[in-house]
Amino acid sequence: MTEQAYIQILRSIYLHLPNTYHHFSRSDRRLASTLYQRGLSLDLVRSALFLATARRLARNPVEPPLPPVRSLHYFLPVLQEIKLQPLPPGYVQYLESKVRIASLRYPVQISNHPRTGA
């Protein structure tokens, strides 16, 4: 997979999450490029995005809502966590299904700017 394809796929995953700002900045693009250059698999990064998103969505509804995630950098600690302790087989698919259900409650509005998503 080329770096450009990696970045585009990661951008698409990020922008379709229900709790993001729905903007992929230059800083996000640089981070995606760095992740590619470090050899982090798209599956690993995708796992981190879905795990962090599922955790946010599982937050106690009595608590005030969290603001949207504004940067791909938010997911770095979870990415590090998954590198140290990989998720069990099939768990990412489970998380993805939970996030999809939540997405129905929080519709995604994606910007269409080709580079930044603005």
Protein backbone atom coordinates (compact mmCIF):
# COMPACT_ATOMS: atom_id res chain seq x y z
CA MET A 1 0.00 0.00 0.00
CA THR A 2 1.29 3.44 -0.86
CA GLU A 3 1.64 6.20 1.69
CA GLN A 4 -1.04 8.22 -0.09
CA ALA A 5 -3.51 5.31 0.03
CA TYR A 6 -2.72 4.73 3.72
CA ILE A 7 -3.39 8.39 4.53
CA GLN A 8 -6.62 8.44 2.52
CA ILE A 9 -7.96 5.31 4.20
CA LEU A 10 -7.02 6.60 7.65
CA ARG A 11 -8.62 9.96 6.84
CA SER A 12 -11.83 8.23 5.79
CA ILE A 13 -11.99 6.12 8.96
CA TYR A 14 -11.31 9.16 11.16
CA LEU A 15 -13.86 11.37 9.43
CA HIS A 16 -16.60 8.74 9.72
CA LEU A 17 -16.27 8.36 13.48
CA PRO A 18 -19.25 9.82 15.33
CA ASN A 19 -17.28 11.79 17.91
CA THR A 20 -14.72 13.64 15.81
CA TYR A 21 -14.72 17.24 14.67
CA HIS A 22 -14.98 15.89 11.09
CA HIS A 23 -11.98 17.80 9.86
CA PHE A 24 -8.66 16.19 8.85
CA SER A 25 -6.03 18.87 9.32
CA ARG A 26 -2.51 19.19 7.92
CA SER A 27 -1.26 18.10 11.31
CA ASP A 28 -3.41 14.97 11.10
CA ARG A 29 -2.06 14.29 7.63
CA ARG A 30 1.53 14.65 8.89
CA LEU A 31 0.80 12.27 11.75
CA ALA A 32 -0.75 9.73 9.36
CA SER A 33 2.37 10.00 7.21
CA THR A 34 4.57 9.45 10.26
CA LEU A 35 2.55 6.40 11.29
CA TYR A 36 3.00 4.98 7.78
CA GLN A 37 6.73 5.69 7.80
CA ARG A 38 7.07 3.98 11.19
CA GLY A 39 5.47 0.89 9.70
CA LEU A 40 2.35 0.88 11.88
CA SER A 41 -0.26 -1.21 10.16
CA LEU A 42 -3.54 0.35 9.19
CA ASP A 43 -5.29 -2.40 11.17
CA LEU A 44 -3.43 -1.37 14.33
CA VAL A 45 -4.28 2.31 13.89
CA ARG A 46 -7.88 1.47 13.00
CA SER A 47 -8.13 -0.61 16.17
CA ALA A 48 -6.98 2.34 18.26
CA LEU A 49 -9.53 4.65 16.66
CA PHE A 50 -12.42 2.27 17.27
CA LEU A 51 -11.35 1.40 20.83
CA ALA A 52 -11.01 5.05 21.86
CA THR A 53 -14.30 5.92 20.17
CA ALA A 54 -16.14 3.04 21.86
CA ARG A 55 -14.77 4.13 25.22
CA ARG A 56 -16.01 7.67 24.68
CA LEU A 57 -19.43 6.43 23.61
CA ALA A 58 -19.68 4.17 26.68
CA ARG A 59 -19.30 7.18 28.96
CA ASN A 60 -21.95 7.58 31.64
CA PRO A 61 -24.87 9.46 30.01
CA VAL A 62 -25.48 11.35 33.27
CA GLU A 63 -22.11 13.06 32.85
CA PRO A 64 -21.84 16.12 30.60
CA PRO A 65 -20.99 15.18 27.00
CA LEU A 66 -17.38 15.27 25.92
CA PRO A 67 -16.42 17.72 23.18
CA PRO A 68 -15.63 16.22 19.76
CA VAL A 69 -12.15 14.86 19.12
CA ARG A 70 -10.33 17.56 17.15
CA SER A 71 -7.18 15.71 16.11
CA LEU A 72 -5.84 12.32 15.15
CA HIS A 73 -3.24 12.90 17.88
CA TYR A 74 -5.94 12.16 20.46
CA PHE A 75 -5.70 8.47 19.58
CA LEU A 76 -1.93 8.11 20.12
CA PRO A 77 -2.11 6.89 23.75
CA VAL A 78 -4.61 4.17 22.77
CA LEU A 79 -2.42 3.23 19.81
CA GLN A 80 0.51 2.81 22.21
CA GLU A 81 -1.69 0.74 24.53
CA ILE A 82 -2.71 -1.62 21.73
CA LYS A 83 0.89 -1.99 20.58
CA LEU A 84 1.79 -3.20 24.08
CA GLN A 85 -1.31 -5.34 24.57
CA PRO A 86 -3.03 -6.34 21.30
CA LEU A 87 -6.78 -6.72 21.21
CA PRO A 88 -8.27 -10.23 21.09
CA PRO A 89 -9.28 -11.58 17.66
CA GLY A 90 -12.66 -10.29 16.54
CA TYR A 91 -12.81 -7.52 19.15
CA VAL A 92 -12.26 -4.71 16.65
CA GLN A 93 -15.21 -5.95 14.59
CA TYR A 94 -17.32 -5.92 17.77
CA LEU A 95 -16.21 -2.35 18.54
CA GLU A 96 -16.89 -1.29 14.98
CA SER A 97 -20.45 -2.59 15.19
CA LYS A 98 -20.99 -0.68 18.44
CA VAL A 99 -19.61 2.50 16.88
CA ARG A 100 -21.82 2.04 13.79
CA ILE A 101 -24.91 1.76 16.00
CA ALA A 102 -23.86 4.91 17.86
CA SER A 103 -23.28 6.65 14.52
CA LEU A 104 -26.99 6.37 13.86
CA ARG A 105 -27.57 8.54 16.92
CA TYR A 106 -24.78 10.97 16.04
CA PRO A 107 -24.92 11.60 12.27
CA VAL A 108 -21.58 12.34 10.65
CA GLN A 109 -21.18 15.50 8.58
CA ILE A 110 -17.95 15.38 6.61
CA SER A 111 -16.28 18.32 4.96
CA ASN A 112 -15.40 17.89 1.31
CA HIS A 113 -12.15 19.80 0.93
CA PRO A 114 -9.80 17.35 -0.86
CA ARG A 115 -6.78 18.00 1.36
CA THR A 116 -7.90 19.17 4.75
CA GLY A 117 -11.51 18.07 4.86
CA ALA A 118 -12.53 21.70 5.54
